[in-house]
Amino acid sequence: MAQRDQAENVAALRAFNRVYTSKLGLLNRHLDNSPFTLSEARILYELAHRSAPTAAEIARALGLDRGQISRTLKRFADRGLVEARDDPRHGRHQLLSLTQDGKAAFAALEANTREAVAGLLTTLPPFRQRRLIAATEEIRAIFATDTLPIVQLRGLEPGDIGRVTERQAMLYAEEYGWNRDYEALAARILADFHQSFDPAREAAWIAEMDGRMVGSIFLVRGKTAEVAKLRLLYVEPDARGAGVGKMLVDACVQRARDTGYARLELWTNSVLTAARGLYQRAGFLLVDEAPHHSFGHDLVGQVWSLDL
């Protein structure tokens, strides 16, 4: 990623954080008019939702310093909110739990917090509420795992034909300046594919990462029984380099081979260098090329072929 792009990303995340902390009142010393600071409220939440945790477990869960946890727990104990007992499995550990006063304090904090968040939501119209909740669920999902995203392929589902058309049209417009003629072409190809779909000789794959569509490819029967076509390969820019394109091309080639086709062909343009590299590495050979004016540009169309 270019340095400028990273700087813009940092600025965008910081801007979000400023709005988020302000709107939720996280800059206030005490949360939701309670006697607890934000960190104290989070520790209280862990105590209420864990079964006899240790201080170390809470520190790990919240990513807080053990000393800060110990000081907070001491304040809670002094106020009669927390009690501790020896861990029979480990003599040096103590198991923590809320007292009745602690449970009452947490219940009051929880009620205040729910009321405050509900009040914030009511300031937004329903459409923006849905957008906000969808965005928060996306953010939570991203931070909920520290593993690398896995590329998965699946078949077509309702809405995919429209999404593939949209993403192809937008990406080629952004990256190559192609006009709406390409969108119309992609829409016709996909409409024809749907209307005359032959499950015995055709197939489609959608690539996903973290549940998000990041690419597609289609195996379409050709004019003769021996020849199939590879069509509408694309990969989202932020998913490139993760092996998505290779996985899609390999799946298409293998299905064409398993189906009994003798040859797999595709049409592309010389400016699509990344895609051409994928085809070459898969064994495709350039068999024909010719200049043409399409999508608002002078291009060189190419036909590539793979003997199966």
Protein backbone atom coordinates (compact mmCIF):
# COMPACT_ATOMS: atom_id res chain seq x y z
CA MET A 1 0.00 0.00 0.00
CA ALA A 2 1.34 3.43 -0.90
CA GLN A 3 2.39 5.71 1.92
CA ARG A 4 -0.22 8.27 0.92
CA ASP A 5 -2.96 5.66 1.08
CA GLN A 6 -1.81 4.54 4.54
CA ALA A 7 -1.77 8.13 5.78
CA GLU A 8 -5.30 8.61 4.52
CA ASN A 9 -6.39 5.41 6.22
CA VAL A 10 -4.86 6.53 9.52
CA ALA A 11 -6.60 9.90 9.22
CA ALA A 12 -9.94 8.25 8.46
CA LEU A 13 -9.70 5.90 11.45
CA ARG A 14 -8.73 8.75 13.76
CA ALA A 15 -11.62 10.84 12.49
CA PHE A 16 -14.00 7.97 13.19
CA ASN A 17 -12.56 7.60 16.69
CA ARG A 18 -13.12 11.28 17.46
CA VAL A 19 -16.77 11.09 16.40
CA TYR A 20 -17.30 7.75 18.17
CA THR A 21 -15.83 8.81 21.52
CA SER A 22 -17.71 12.12 21.44
CA LYS A 23 -21.11 10.71 20.48
CA LEU A 24 -20.97 7.92 23.07
CA GLY A 25 -19.74 10.25 25.79
CA LEU A 26 -16.53 8.30 26.31
CA LEU A 27 -14.59 11.50 27.00
CA ASN A 28 -16.59 12.12 30.16
CA ARG A 29 -14.75 11.18 33.31
CA HIS A 30 -17.63 9.01 34.46
CA LEU A 31 -19.66 6.87 32.07
CA ASP A 32 -23.38 7.62 31.71
CA ASN A 33 -23.54 9.63 34.94
CA SER A 34 -22.36 6.62 36.91
CA PRO A 35 -19.60 6.62 39.54
CA PHE A 36 -17.43 4.51 37.19
CA THR A 37 -14.83 5.51 34.63
CA LEU A 38 -14.84 3.72 31.28
CA SER A 39 -12.11 1.29 32.28
CA GLU A 40 -13.84 0.58 35.60
CA ALA A 41 -17.11 -0.06 33.78
CA ARG A 42 -15.41 -2.55 31.43
CA ILE A 43 -13.85 -4.39 34.37
CA LEU A 44 -17.22 -4.47 36.10
CA TYR A 45 -18.76 -5.87 32.90
CA GLU A 46 -16.19 -8.70 32.78
CA LEU A 47 -16.86 -9.55 36.41
CA ALA A 48 -20.59 -9.70 35.71
CA HIS A 49 -20.24 -11.89 32.62
CA ARG A 50 -17.52 -14.33 33.69
CA SER A 51 -17.78 -17.18 36.13
CA ALA A 52 -15.29 -16.62 38.96
CA PRO A 53 -12.50 -15.09 36.86
CA THR A 54 -9.02 -14.28 38.08
CA ALA A 55 -7.46 -10.84 37.83
CA ALA A 56 -5.08 -12.20 35.20
CA GLU A 57 -7.99 -13.40 33.04
CA ILE A 58 -9.62 -9.98 33.12
CA ALA A 59 -6.32 -8.26 32.33
CA ARG A 60 -5.84 -10.51 29.29
CA ALA A 61 -9.41 -10.04 28.09
CA LEU A 62 -9.20 -6.24 28.25
CA GLY A 63 -5.55 -5.81 27.34
CA LEU A 64 -4.99 -3.78 30.52
CA ASP A 65 -1.97 -3.61 32.77
CA ARG A 66 -2.09 -6.01 35.73
CA GLY A 67 -1.28 -3.12 38.06
CA GLN A 68 -4.27 -1.13 36.82
CA ILE A 69 -6.52 -4.17 37.25
CA SER A 70 -5.24 -4.71 40.80
CA ARG A 71 -5.81 -1.09 41.79
CA THR A 72 -9.32 -1.10 40.34
CA LEU A 73 -10.21 -4.37 42.07
CA LYS A 74 -8.95 -2.98 45.38
CA ARG A 75 -11.21 0.06 44.98
CA PHE A 76 -14.12 -2.25 44.18
CA ALA A 77 -13.36 -4.37 47.24
CA ASP A 78 -13.13 -1.29 49.47
CA ARG A 79 -16.59 -0.25 48.22
CA GLY A 80 -17.99 -3.72 48.87
CA LEU A 81 -18.55 -4.49 45.18
CA VAL A 82 -16.18 -7.45 44.78
CA GLU A 83 -15.22 -10.41 46.89
CA ALA A 84 -12.44 -12.94 46.41
CA ARG A 85 -11.82 -16.52 47.42
CA ASP A 86 -8.82 -18.80 47.02
CA ASP A 87 -8.66 -20.90 43.88
CA PRO A 88 -8.58 -24.57 45.00
CA ARG A 89 -6.71 -25.45 41.80
CA HIS A 90 -4.00 -22.89 42.30
CA GLY A 91 -3.14 -21.55 45.73
CA ARG A 92 -1.67 -18.27 44.48
CA HIS A 93 -4.76 -17.29 42.49
CA GLN A 94 -7.96 -15.77 43.73
CA LEU A 95 -11.36 -16.18 42.14
CA LEU A 96 -13.40 -13.00 41.88
CA SER A 97 -17.13 -12.41 41.96
CA LEU A 98 -19.52 -9.52 42.44
CA THR A 99 -21.24 -9.04 45.76
CA GLN A 100 -24.93 -8.20 45.90
CA ASP A 101 -23.95 -4.52 46.00
CA GLY A 102 -21.69 -5.12 43.02
CA LYS A 103 -24.47 -6.78 41.05
CA ALA A 104 -26.78 -3.89 41.87
CA ALA A 105 -24.14 -1.36 40.77
CA PHE A 106 -23.64 -3.22 37.50
CA ALA A 107 -27.40 -3.44 36.88
CA ALA A 108 -27.71 0.33 37.35
CA LEU A 109 -24.74 0.96 35.03
CA GLU A 110 -26.19 -1.40 32.43
CA ALA A 111 -29.57 0.32 32.53
CA ASN A 112 -28.00 3.77 32.19
CA THR A 113 -25.84 2.62 29.29
CA ARG A 114 -28.75 1.03 27.44
CA GLU A 115 -30.80 4.20 27.93
CA ALA A 116 -27.95 6.40 26.66
CA VAL A 117 -27.34 4.27 23.55
CA ALA A 118 -31.06 4.06 22.84
CA GLY A 119 -31.23 7.84 23.12
CA LEU A 120 -28.39 8.19 20.63
CA LEU A 121 -30.15 5.85 18.18
CA THR A 122 -33.40 7.79 18.38
CA THR A 123 -31.59 10.87 17.05
CA LEU A 124 -31.09 9.00 13.78
CA PRO A 125 -33.78 8.11 11.20
CA PRO A 126 -34.34 4.34 10.73
CA PHE A 127 -32.30 4.21 7.52
CA ARG A 128 -29.23 5.63 9.25
CA GLN A 129 -29.79 3.43 12.29
CA ARG A 130 -29.58 0.36 10.04
CA ARG A 131 -26.42 1.71 8.40
CA LEU A 132 -24.86 2.41 11.78
CA ILE A 133 -25.63 -1.04 13.18
CA ALA A 134 -24.37 -2.75 10.02
CA ALA A 135 -21.13 -0.76 10.24
CA THR A 136 -20.62 -1.62 13.92
CA GLU A 137 -21.19 -5.31 13.22
CA GLU A 138 -18.61 -5.15 10.43
CA ILE A 139 -16.06 -3.44 12.69
CA ARG A 140 -16.67 -5.93 15.50
CA ALA A 141 -16.22 -8.87 13.13
CA ILE A 142 -12.93 -7.46 11.84
CA PHE A 143 -11.48 -7.06 15.33
CA ALA A 144 -12.93 -10.33 16.62
CA THR A 145 -10.29 -12.43 14.87
CA ASP A 146 -6.53 -12.12 14.53
CA THR A 147 -6.19 -14.79 11.85
CA LEU A 148 -5.59 -14.04 8.19
CA PRO A 149 -8.72 -14.04 6.01
CA ILE A 150 -9.39 -17.29 4.16
CA VAL A 151 -10.45 -17.31 0.52
CA GLN A 152 -13.53 -19.44 -0.08
CA LEU A 153 -15.37 -20.22 -3.31
CA ARG A 154 -19.12 -20.76 -3.54
CA GLY A 155 -21.81 -20.96 -6.19
CA LEU A 156 -24.24 -18.24 -7.19
CA GLU A 157 -26.83 -16.95 -4.75
CA PRO A 158 -29.69 -14.47 -5.25
CA GLY A 159 -28.28 -11.00 -5.87
CA ASP A 160 -24.89 -12.19 -7.14
CA ILE A 161 -25.60 -11.49 -10.80
CA GLY A 162 -26.40 -7.87 -10.01
CA ARG A 163 -23.43 -7.51 -7.65
CA VAL A 164 -20.99 -8.96 -10.19
CA THR A 165 -22.30 -6.60 -12.87
CA GLU A 166 -22.00 -3.63 -10.52
CA ARG A 167 -18.51 -4.41 -9.27
CA GLN A 168 -17.14 -5.17 -12.74
CA ALA A 169 -18.59 -1.95 -14.16
CA MET A 170 -17.29 0.19 -11.30
CA LEU A 171 -13.81 -1.35 -11.18
CA TYR A 172 -13.20 -1.07 -14.92
CA ALA A 173 -14.46 2.51 -14.85
CA GLU A 174 -12.18 3.41 -11.91
CA GLU A 175 -9.09 1.59 -13.14
CA TYR A 176 -9.33 1.96 -16.93
CA GLY A 177 -11.92 4.66 -17.54
CA TRP A 178 -14.30 2.33 -19.38
CA ASN A 179 -17.80 3.71 -19.95
CA ARG A 180 -21.24 2.19 -19.41
CA ASP A 181 -20.95 0.11 -22.58
CA TYR A 182 -18.94 -2.40 -20.56
CA GLU A 183 -21.58 -2.52 -17.85
CA ALA A 184 -24.20 -3.26 -20.51
CA LEU A 185 -22.00 -6.02 -21.96
CA ALA A 186 -21.47 -7.65 -18.56
CA ALA A 187 -25.19 -7.45 -17.84
CA ARG A 188 -26.03 -9.15 -21.16
CA ILE A 189 -23.47 -11.91 -20.58
CA LEU A 190 -24.84 -12.62 -17.11
CA ALA A 191 -28.49 -12.44 -18.21
CA ASP A 192 -27.79 -14.92 -21.00
CA PHE A 193 -25.89 -17.16 -18.60
CA HIS A 194 -28.85 -17.22 -16.22
CA GLN A 195 -31.54 -17.71 -18.83
CA SER A 196 -29.82 -20.59 -20.65
CA PHE A 197 -27.87 -22.08 -17.75
CA ASP A 198 -26.89 -25.73 -18.24
CA PRO A 199 -25.70 -27.15 -14.89
CA ALA A 200 -24.11 -30.12 -16.64
CA ARG A 201 -21.79 -27.93 -18.75
CA GLU A 202 -21.63 -24.53 -17.04
CA ALA A 203 -20.69 -23.18 -13.62
CA ALA A 204 -19.96 -20.02 -11.69
CA TRP A 205 -17.88 -19.22 -8.64
CA ILE A 206 -17.98 -16.31 -6.21
CA ALA A 207 -14.84 -15.76 -4.13
CA GLU A 208 -15.34 -14.56 -0.57
CA MET A 209 -13.03 -13.33 2.18
CA ASP A 210 -14.50 -12.74 5.63
CA GLY A 211 -17.95 -13.25 4.10
CA ARG A 212 -17.45 -10.47 1.53
CA MET A 213 -17.52 -11.02 -2.23
CA VAL A 214 -14.06 -10.31 -3.64
CA GLY A 215 -14.16 -11.88 -7.10
CA SER A 216 -15.95 -14.07 -9.61
CA ILE A 217 -15.47 -16.30 -12.65
CA PHE A 218 -17.87 -18.06 -15.02
CA LEU A 219 -17.56 -21.22 -17.11
CA VAL A 220 -19.82 -20.86 -20.15
CA ARG A 221 -20.41 -23.40 -22.92
CA GLY A 222 -19.16 -22.35 -26.32
CA LYS A 223 -20.61 -22.66 -29.80
CA THR A 224 -19.46 -26.29 -30.10
CA ALA A 225 -19.61 -29.13 -27.59
CA GLU A 226 -15.81 -29.31 -27.38
CA VAL A 227 -15.13 -25.69 -26.45
CA ALA A 228 -15.99 -23.74 -23.28
CA LYS A 229 -15.39 -20.10 -22.41
CA LEU A 230 -13.91 -18.52 -19.30
CA ARG A 231 -15.74 -15.26 -18.67
CA LEU A 232 -15.98 -12.30 -16.28
CA LEU A 233 -12.97 -12.97 -14.08
CA TYR A 234 -12.36 -10.14 -11.64
CA VAL A 235 -10.74 -9.65 -8.23
CA GLU A 236 -11.31 -6.74 -5.86
CA PRO A 237 -8.22 -4.50 -5.54
CA ASP A 238 -7.82 -5.03 -1.79
CA ALA A 239 -7.95 -8.82 -2.25
CA ARG A 240 -5.27 -9.01 -4.92
CA GLY A 241 -2.14 -10.83 -3.91
CA ALA A 242 -4.06 -13.26 -1.70
CA GLY A 243 -4.35 -15.94 -4.39
CA VAL A 244 -7.98 -15.18 -5.24
CA GLY A 245 -7.45 -14.94 -8.99
CA LYS A 246 -5.45 -18.16 -9.18
CA MET A 247 -8.04 -20.02 -7.14
CA LEU A 248 -10.84 -18.84 -9.43
CA VAL A 249 -8.96 -19.68 -12.65
CA ASP A 250 -7.90 -23.10 -11.31
CA ALA A 251 -11.50 -23.91 -10.34
CA CYS A 252 -12.78 -22.95 -13.78
CA VAL A 253 -10.08 -24.91 -15.61
CA GLN A 254 -10.61 -28.01 -13.47
CA ARG A 255 -14.38 -27.95 -13.97
CA ALA A 256 -13.95 -27.56 -17.73
CA ARG A 257 -11.57 -30.50 -17.73
CA ASP A 258 -13.86 -32.64 -15.56
CA THR A 259 -16.83 -31.77 -17.78
CA GLY A 260 -15.04 -33.17 -20.81
CA TYR A 261 -14.31 -30.02 -22.81
CA ALA A 262 -11.34 -30.28 -25.16
CA ARG A 263 -10.47 -26.58 -25.04
CA LEU A 264 -11.10 -23.54 -22.85
CA GLU A 265 -11.03 -20.10 -24.45
CA LEU A 266 -11.31 -16.53 -23.22
CA TRP A 267 -11.40 -13.03 -24.62
CA THR A 268 -9.63 -10.20 -22.87
CA ASN A 269 -7.80 -6.96 -23.61
CA SER A 270 -4.08 -6.30 -23.61
CA VAL A 271 -4.36 -3.60 -20.92
CA LEU A 272 -5.52 -6.17 -18.36
CA THR A 273 -1.98 -7.25 -17.56
CA ALA A 274 -2.65 -8.88 -14.18
CA ALA A 275 -5.38 -11.12 -15.61
CA ARG A 276 -3.19 -12.02 -18.59
CA GLY A 277 -0.47 -13.10 -16.17
CA LEU A 278 -2.92 -15.43 -14.45
CA TYR A 279 -3.94 -16.96 -17.77
CA GLN A 280 -0.34 -17.48 -18.85
CA ARG A 281 0.58 -19.16 -15.57
CA ALA A 282 -2.43 -21.47 -15.98
CA GLY A 283 -1.13 -22.55 -19.39
CA PHE A 284 -3.25 -20.42 -21.73
CA LEU A 285 -1.67 -19.36 -25.02
CA LEU A 286 -2.37 -16.22 -27.02
CA VAL A 287 -3.90 -17.31 -30.33
CA ASP A 288 -5.28 -14.08 -31.79
CA GLU A 289 -5.41 -10.33 -31.20
CA ALA A 290 -6.93 -7.37 -33.00
CA PRO A 291 -7.48 -3.66 -32.32
CA HIS A 292 -10.98 -2.42 -31.60
CA HIS A 293 -12.74 0.62 -30.17
CA SER A 294 -14.94 -0.33 -27.23
CA PHE A 295 -15.99 1.05 -23.87
CA GLY A 296 -14.86 4.52 -24.92
CA HIS A 297 -11.25 3.53 -25.69
CA ASP A 298 -8.99 2.15 -28.40
CA LEU A 299 -8.07 -1.32 -27.20
CA VAL A 300 -6.38 -4.50 -28.37
CA GLY A 301 -8.59 -7.52 -27.90
CA GLN A 302 -6.97 -10.90 -27.35
CA VAL A 303 -8.13 -14.50 -27.56
CA TRP A 304 -6.37 -16.98 -25.28
CA SER A 305 -6.77 -20.75 -25.45
CA LEU A 306 -5.96 -23.72 -23.24
CA ASP A 307 -5.96 -27.31 -24.51
CA LEU A 308 -7.47 -29.51 -21.82
